[in-house]
């Protein structure tokens, strides 16, 4: 039997870009106005290299709201 507690989980935040295993340095915050209230923010984690790509993907769809450094 394995026991889990609330402190188990990843020690390091990893970039959300597909296939990337680099540590995250940013929170790319977004929302889809067709699905979310204006104040709700979804978060993708991004390394320095992938922050512009993830931001651009969201911005092209008018989902991008802001990027915050971790």
PDB file of N, CA and C in Angstrom:
ATOM      1  N   UNK A   1       0.853  -1.179   0.000  1.00  0.00           N
ATOM      2  CA  UNK A   1       0.000   0.000   0.000  1.00  0.00           C
ATOM      3  C   UNK A   1       0.895   1.236   0.000  1.00  0.00           C
ATOM      4  N   UNK A   2       0.563   2.190  -0.851  1.00  0.00           N
ATOM      5  CA  UNK A   2       1.312   3.436  -0.933  1.00  0.00           C
ATOM      6  C   UNK A   2       0.466   4.562  -0.374  1.00  0.00           C
ATOM      7  N   UNK A   3       1.091   5.357   0.468  1.00  0.00           N
ATOM      8  CA  UNK A   3       0.388   6.502   1.041  1.00  0.00           C
ATOM      9  C   UNK A   3       0.904   7.779   0.396  1.00  0.00           C
ATOM     10  N   UNK A   4      -0.004   8.685   0.113  1.00  0.00           N
ATOM     11  CA  UNK A   4       0.357   9.973  -0.463  1.00  0.00           C
ATOM     12  C   UNK A   4      -0.101  11.069   0.480  1.00  0.00           C
ATOM     13  N   UNK A   5       0.675  12.126   0.546  1.00  0.00           N
ATOM     14  CA  UNK A   5       0.244  13.279   1.328  1.00  0.00           C
ATOM     15  C   UNK A   5       0.203  14.503   0.418  1.00  0.00           C
ATOM     16  N   UNK A   6      -0.265  15.607   0.947  1.00  0.00           N
ATOM     17  CA  UNK A   6      -0.423  16.818   0.137  1.00  0.00           C
ATOM     18  C   UNK A   6       0.900  17.429  -0.301  1.00  0.00           C
ATOM     19  N   UNK A   7       2.013  16.993   0.265  1.00  0.00           N
ATOM     20  CA  UNK A   7       3.302  17.570  -0.096  1.00  0.00           C
ATOM     21  C   UNK A   7       3.993  16.790  -1.209  1.00  0.00           C
ATOM     22  N   UNK A   8       3.395  15.666  -1.639  1.00  0.00           N
ATOM     23  CA  UNK A   8       4.024  14.915  -2.716  1.00  0.00           C
ATOM     24  C   UNK A   8       3.730  15.591  -4.047  1.00  0.00           C
ATOM     25  N   UNK A   9       4.614  15.428  -5.004  1.00  0.00           N
ATOM     26  CA  UNK A   9       4.434  16.046  -6.313  1.00  0.00           C
ATOM     27  C   UNK A   9       5.759  16.538  -6.839  1.00  0.00           C
ATOM     28  N   UNK A  10       5.720  17.168  -7.997  1.00  0.00           N
ATOM     29  CA  UNK A  10       6.982  17.618  -8.595  1.00  0.00           C
ATOM     30  C   UNK A  10       7.641  18.706  -7.760  1.00  0.00           C
ATOM     31  N   UNK A  11       8.970  18.621  -7.651  1.00  0.00           N
ATOM     32  CA  UNK A  11       9.725  19.630  -6.921  1.00  0.00           C
ATOM     33  C   UNK A  11      10.013  20.840  -7.792  1.00  0.00           C
ATOM     34  N   UNK A  12       9.901  20.663  -9.105  1.00  0.00           N
ATOM     35  CA  UNK A  12      10.270  21.714 -10.038  1.00  0.00           C
ATOM     36  C   UNK A  12       9.135  21.933 -11.030  1.00  0.00           C
ATOM     37  N   UNK A  13       8.851  23.194 -11.320  1.00  0.00           N
ATOM     38  CA  UNK A  13       7.839  23.521 -12.314  1.00  0.00           C
ATOM     39  C   UNK A  13       8.476  23.423 -13.695  1.00  0.00           C
ATOM     40  N   UNK A  14       7.806  22.728 -14.615  1.00  0.00           N
ATOM     41  CA  UNK A  14       8.338  22.440 -15.939  1.00  0.00           C
ATOM     42  C   UNK A  14       7.534  23.198 -17.003  1.00  0.00           C
ATOM     43  N   UNK A  15       8.203  23.633 -18.031  1.00  0.00           N
ATOM     44  CA  UNK A  15       7.589  24.336 -19.158  1.00  0.00           C
ATOM     45  C   UNK A  15       6.443  23.508 -19.749  1.00  0.00           C
ATOM     46  N   UNK A  16       5.362  24.189 -20.123  1.00  0.00           N
ATOM     47  CA  UNK A  16       4.181  23.528 -20.691  1.00  0.00           C
ATOM     48  C   UNK A  16       4.307  23.234 -22.188  1.00  0.00           C
ATOM     49  N   UNK A  17       5.331  23.756 -22.842  1.00  0.00           N
ATOM     50  CA  UNK A  17       5.490  23.527 -24.273  1.00  0.00           C
ATOM     51  C   UNK A  17       5.721  22.036 -24.532  1.00  0.00           C
ATOM     52  N   UNK A  18       5.056  21.512 -25.550  1.00  0.00           N
ATOM     53  CA  UNK A  18       5.118  20.080 -25.850  1.00  0.00           C
ATOM     54  C   UNK A  18       6.555  19.599 -25.994  1.00  0.00           C
ATOM     55  N   UNK A  19       6.906  18.591 -25.206  1.00  0.00           N
ATOM     56  CA  UNK A  19       8.218  17.964 -25.282  1.00  0.00           C
ATOM     57  C   UNK A  19       9.321  18.675 -24.514  1.00  0.00           C
ATOM     58  N   UNK A  20       9.045  19.851 -23.991  1.00  0.00           N
ATOM     59  CA  UNK A  20      10.074  20.599 -23.267  1.00  0.00           C
ATOM     60  C   UNK A  20      10.162  20.098 -21.826  1.00  0.00           C
ATOM     61  N   UNK A  21      11.369  19.961 -21.334  1.00  0.00           N
ATOM     62  CA  UNK A  21      11.584  19.529 -19.951  1.00  0.00           C
ATOM     63  C   UNK A  21      12.348  20.580 -19.151  1.00  0.00           C
ATOM     64  N   UNK A  22      12.471  21.783 -19.709  1.00  0.00           N
ATOM     65  CA  UNK A  22      13.206  22.862 -19.041  1.00  0.00           C
ATOM     66  C   UNK A  22      12.397  23.420 -17.867  1.00  0.00           C
ATOM     67  N   UNK A  23      13.084  23.939 -16.879  1.00  0.00           N
ATOM     68  CA  UNK A  23      12.379  24.567 -15.761  1.00  0.00           C
ATOM     69  C   UNK A  23      11.593  25.790 -16.240  1.00  0.00           C
ATOM     70  N   UNK A  24      10.421  25.979 -15.673  1.00  0.00           N
ATOM     71  CA  UNK A  24       9.591  27.137 -16.017  1.00  0.00           C
ATOM     72  C   UNK A  24      10.168  28.394 -15.383  1.00  0.00           C
ATOM     73  N   UNK A  25      10.117  29.487 -16.111  1.00  0.00           N
ATOM     74  CA  UNK A  25      10.573  30.784 -15.616  1.00  0.00           C
ATOM     75  C   UNK A  25       9.448  31.814 -15.633  1.00  0.00           C
ATOM     76  N   UNK A  26       8.322  31.460 -16.285  1.00  0.00           N
ATOM     77  CA  UNK A  26       7.217  32.411 -16.460  1.00  0.00           C
ATOM     78  C   UNK A  26       5.870  31.711 -16.325  1.00  0.00           C
ATOM     79  N   UNK A  27       4.870  32.483 -15.927  1.00  0.00           N
ATOM     80  CA  UNK A  27       3.477  32.085 -16.033  1.00  0.00           C
ATOM     81  C   UNK A  27       2.892  32.879 -17.183  1.00  0.00           C
ATOM     82  N   UNK A  28       2.397  32.190 -18.202  1.00  0.00           N
ATOM     83  CA  UNK A  28       1.702  32.854 -19.305  1.00  0.00           C
ATOM     84  C   UNK A  28       0.215  32.722 -18.972  1.00  0.00           C
ATOM     85  N   UNK A  29      -0.406  33.851 -18.649  1.00  0.00           N
ATOM     86  CA  UNK A  29      -1.791  33.852 -18.184  1.00  0.00           C
ATOM     87  C   UNK A  29      -2.729  34.215 -19.328  1.00  0.00           C
ATOM     88  N   UNK A  30      -3.841  33.481 -19.410  1.00  0.00           N
ATOM     89  CA  UNK A  30      -4.764  33.651 -20.516  1.00  0.00           C
ATOM     90  C   UNK A  30      -6.174  33.287 -20.094  1.00  0.00           C
ATOM     91  N   UNK A  31      -7.132  33.628 -20.941  1.00  0.00           N
ATOM     92  CA  UNK A  31      -8.484  33.103 -20.809  1.00  0.00           C
ATOM     93  C   UNK A  31      -9.175  33.131 -22.161  1.00  0.00           C
ATOM     94  N   UNK A  32     -10.129  32.256 -22.319  1.00  0.00           N
ATOM     95  CA  UNK A  32     -10.954  32.207 -23.513  1.00  0.00           C
ATOM     96  C   UNK A  32     -12.256  32.924 -23.166  1.00  0.00           C
ATOM     97  N   UNK A  33     -12.489  34.116 -23.710  1.00  0.00           N
ATOM     98  CA  UNK A  33     -13.668  34.882 -23.312  1.00  0.00           C
ATOM     99  C   UNK A  33     -15.000  34.206 -23.644  1.00  0.00           C
ATOM    100  N   UNK A  34     -14.985  33.232 -24.543  1.00  0.00           N
ATOM    101  CA  UNK A  34     -16.219  32.497 -24.832  1.00  0.00           C
ATOM    102  C   UNK A  34     -16.554  31.480 -23.744  1.00  0.00           C
ATOM    103  N   UNK A  35     -15.538  31.090 -22.950  1.00  0.00           N
ATOM    104  CA  UNK A  35     -15.725  30.067 -21.923  1.00  0.00           C
ATOM    105  C   UNK A  35     -15.550  30.567 -20.501  1.00  0.00           C
ATOM    106  N   UNK A  36     -14.721  31.598 -20.310  1.00  0.00           N
ATOM    107  CA  UNK A  36     -14.326  32.028 -18.974  1.00  0.00           C
ATOM    108  C   UNK A  36     -14.826  33.436 -18.674  1.00  0.00           C
ATOM    109  N   UNK A  37     -15.073  33.697 -17.410  1.00  0.00           N
ATOM    110  CA  UNK A  37     -15.419  35.054 -16.993  1.00  0.00           C
ATOM    111  C   UNK A  37     -14.190  35.938 -17.199  1.00  0.00           C
ATOM    112  N   UNK A  38     -14.371  37.255 -17.377  1.00  0.00           N
ATOM    113  CA  UNK A  38     -13.235  38.140 -17.663  1.00  0.00           C
ATOM    114  C   UNK A  38     -12.113  38.115 -16.623  1.00  0.00           C
ATOM    115  N   UNK A  39     -12.433  37.829 -15.366  1.00  0.00           N
ATOM    116  CA  UNK A  39     -11.409  37.840 -14.317  1.00  0.00           C
ATOM    117  C   UNK A  39     -10.681  36.505 -14.163  1.00  0.00           C
ATOM    118  N   UNK A  40     -11.155  35.450 -14.798  1.00  0.00           N
ATOM    119  CA  UNK A  40     -10.511  34.143 -14.665  1.00  0.00           C
ATOM    120  C   UNK A  40      -9.241  34.092 -15.495  1.00  0.00           C
ATOM    121  N   UNK A  41      -8.207  33.469 -14.939  1.00  0.00           N
ATOM    122  CA  UNK A  41      -6.940  33.294 -15.651  1.00  0.00           C
ATOM    123  C   UNK A  41      -6.525  31.832 -15.624  1.00  0.00           C
ATOM    124  N   UNK A  42      -6.283  31.285 -16.796  1.00  0.00           N
ATOM    125  CA  UNK A  42      -5.666  29.980 -16.943  1.00  0.00           C
ATOM    126  C   UNK A  42      -4.166  30.244 -17.030  1.00  0.00           C
ATOM    127  N   UNK A  43      -3.344  29.256 -16.702  1.00  0.00           N
ATOM    128  CA  UNK A  43      -1.892  29.471 -16.676  1.00  0.00           C
ATOM    129  C   UNK A  43      -1.186  28.349 -17.417  1.00  0.00           C
ATOM    130  N   UNK A  44      -0.299  28.750 -18.311  1.00  0.00           N
ATOM    131  CA  UNK A  44       0.679  27.845 -18.893  1.00  0.00           C
ATOM    132  C   UNK A  44       2.030  28.264 -18.348  1.00  0.00           C
ATOM    133  N   UNK A  45       2.835  27.298 -17.984  1.00  0.00           N
ATOM    134  CA  UNK A  45       4.197  27.585 -17.541  1.00  0.00           C
ATOM    135  C   UNK A  45       5.115  27.601 -18.754  1.00  0.00           C
ATOM    136  N   UNK A  46       6.109  28.484 -18.736  1.00  0.00           N
ATOM    137  CA  UNK A  46       7.006  28.605 -19.888  1.00  0.00           C
ATOM    138  C   UNK A  46       8.441  28.831 -19.447  1.00  0.00           C
ATOM    139  N   UNK A  47       9.367  28.205 -20.158  1.00  0.00           N
ATOM    140  CA  UNK A  47      10.787  28.515 -19.995  1.00  0.00           C
ATOM    141  C   UNK A  47      11.065  29.787 -20.801  1.00  0.00           C
ATOM    142  N   UNK A  48      12.274  30.339 -20.667  1.00  0.00           N
ATOM    143  CA  UNK A  48      12.617  31.557 -21.408  1.00  0.00           C
ATOM    144  C   UNK A  48      12.491  31.357 -22.924  1.00  0.00           C
ATOM    145  N   UNK A  49      12.887  30.186 -23.414  1.00  0.00           N
ATOM    146  CA  UNK A  49      12.879  29.937 -24.851  1.00  0.00           C
ATOM    147  C   UNK A  49      11.469  29.817 -25.429  1.00  0.00           C
ATOM    148  N   UNK A  50      10.518  29.283 -24.657  1.00  0.00           N
ATOM    149  CA  UNK A  50       9.176  29.035 -25.185  1.00  0.00           C
ATOM    150  C   UNK A  50       8.140  30.096 -24.811  1.00  0.00           C
ATOM    151  N   UNK A  51       8.477  31.040 -23.964  1.00  0.00           N
ATOM    152  CA  UNK A  51       7.497  32.074 -23.587  1.00  0.00           C
ATOM    153  C   UNK A  51       6.995  32.836 -24.812  1.00  0.00           C
ATOM    154  N   UNK A  52       7.860  33.286 -25.728  1.00  0.00           N
ATOM    155  CA  UNK A  52       7.349  34.014 -26.902  1.00  0.00           C
ATOM    156  C   UNK A  52       6.423  33.158 -27.783  1.00  0.00           C
ATOM    157  N   UNK A  53       6.733  31.879 -27.924  1.00  0.00           N
ATOM    158  CA  UNK A  53       5.917  30.988 -28.750  1.00  0.00           C
ATOM    159  C   UNK A  53       4.538  30.774 -28.139  1.00  0.00           C
ATOM    160  N   UNK A  54       4.508  30.475 -26.844  1.00  0.00           N
ATOM    161  CA  UNK A  54       3.226  30.264 -26.177  1.00  0.00           C
ATOM    162  C   UNK A  54       2.403  31.554 -26.155  1.00  0.00           C
ATOM    163  N   UNK A  55       3.051  32.674 -25.889  1.00  0.00           N
ATOM    164  CA  UNK A  55       2.364  33.974 -25.892  1.00  0.00           C
ATOM    165  C   UNK A  55       1.796  34.263 -27.276  1.00  0.00           C
ATOM    166  N   UNK A  56       2.573  34.030 -28.318  1.00  0.00           N
ATOM    167  CA  UNK A  56       2.119  34.275 -29.677  1.00  0.00           C
ATOM    168  C   UNK A  56       0.929  33.417 -30.073  1.00  0.00           C
ATOM    169  N   UNK A  57       0.956  32.140 -29.684  1.00  0.00           N
ATOM    170  CA  UNK A  57      -0.158  31.229 -29.960  1.00  0.00           C
ATOM    171  C   UNK A  57      -1.446  31.764 -29.339  1.00  0.00           C
ATOM    172  N   UNK A  58      -1.358  32.175 -28.078  1.00  0.00           N
ATOM    173  CA  UNK A  58      -2.538  32.688 -27.380  1.00  0.00           C
ATOM    174  C   UNK A  58      -2.969  34.048 -27.908  1.00  0.00           C
ATOM    175  N   UNK A  59      -2.007  34.904 -28.209  1.00  0.00           N
ATOM    176  CA  UNK A  59      -2.311  36.252 -28.697  1.00  0.00           C
ATOM    177  C   UNK A  59      -3.030  36.204 -30.046  1.00  0.00           C
ATOM    178  N   UNK A  60      -2.657  35.260 -30.905  1.00  0.00           N
ATOM    179  CA  UNK A  60      -3.304  35.121 -32.213  1.00  0.00           C
ATOM    180  C   UNK A  60      -4.787  34.783 -32.074  1.00  0.00           C
ATOM    181  N   UNK A  61      -5.183  34.221 -30.943  1.00  0.00           N
ATOM    182  CA  UNK A  61      -6.566  33.841 -30.683  1.00  0.00           C
ATOM    183  C   UNK A  61      -7.268  34.821 -29.734  1.00  0.00           C
ATOM    184  N   UNK A  62      -6.578  35.910 -29.384  1.00  0.00           N
ATOM    185  CA  UNK A  62      -7.081  36.902 -28.412  1.00  0.00           C
ATOM    186  C   UNK A  62      -7.327  36.298 -27.032  1.00  0.00           C
ATOM    187  N   UNK A  63      -6.526  35.287 -26.670  1.00  0.00           N
ATOM    188  CA  UNK A  63      -6.634  34.658 -25.347  1.00  0.00           C
ATOM    189  C   UNK A  63      -5.583  35.182 -24.379  1.00  0.00           C
ATOM    190  N   UNK A  64      -4.478  35.698 -24.899  1.00  0.00           N
ATOM    191  CA  UNK A  64      -3.357  36.125 -24.062  1.00  0.00           C
ATOM    192  C   UNK A  64      -3.760  37.313 -23.192  1.00  0.00           C
ATOM    193  N   UNK A  65      -3.343  37.261 -21.892  1.00  0.00           N
ATOM    194  CA  UNK A  65      -3.618  38.359 -20.978  1.00  0.00           C
ATOM    195  C   UNK A  65      -2.334  38.970 -20.432  1.00  0.00           C
ATOM    196  N   UNK A  66      -1.395  38.156 -19.926  1.00  0.00           N
ATOM    197  CA  UNK A  66      -0.158  38.684 -19.391  1.00  0.00           C
ATOM    198  C   UNK A  66       0.845  37.571 -19.133  1.00  0.00           C
ATOM    199  N   UNK A  67       2.110  37.967 -18.996  1.00  0.00           N
ATOM    200  CA  UNK A  67       3.173  37.044 -18.597  1.00  0.00           C
ATOM    201  C   UNK A  67       3.770  37.570 -17.307  1.00  0.00           C
ATOM    202  N   UNK A  68       3.944  36.670 -16.341  1.00  0.00           N
ATOM    203  CA  UNK A  68       4.520  37.023 -15.044  1.00  0.00           C
ATOM    204  C   UNK A  68       5.718  36.117 -14.792  1.00  0.00           C
ATOM    205  N   UNK A  69       6.835  36.708 -14.437  1.00  0.00           N
ATOM    206  CA  UNK A  69       8.022  35.903 -14.109  1.00  0.00           C
ATOM    207  C   UNK A  69       7.830  35.187 -12.782  1.00  0.00           C
ATOM    208  N   UNK A  70       8.349  33.977 -12.711  1.00  0.00           N
ATOM    209  CA  UNK A  70       8.267  33.212 -11.459  1.00  0.00           C
ATOM    210  C   UNK A  70       9.378  33.609 -10.517  1.00  0.00           C
TER     211      UNK A  70
END
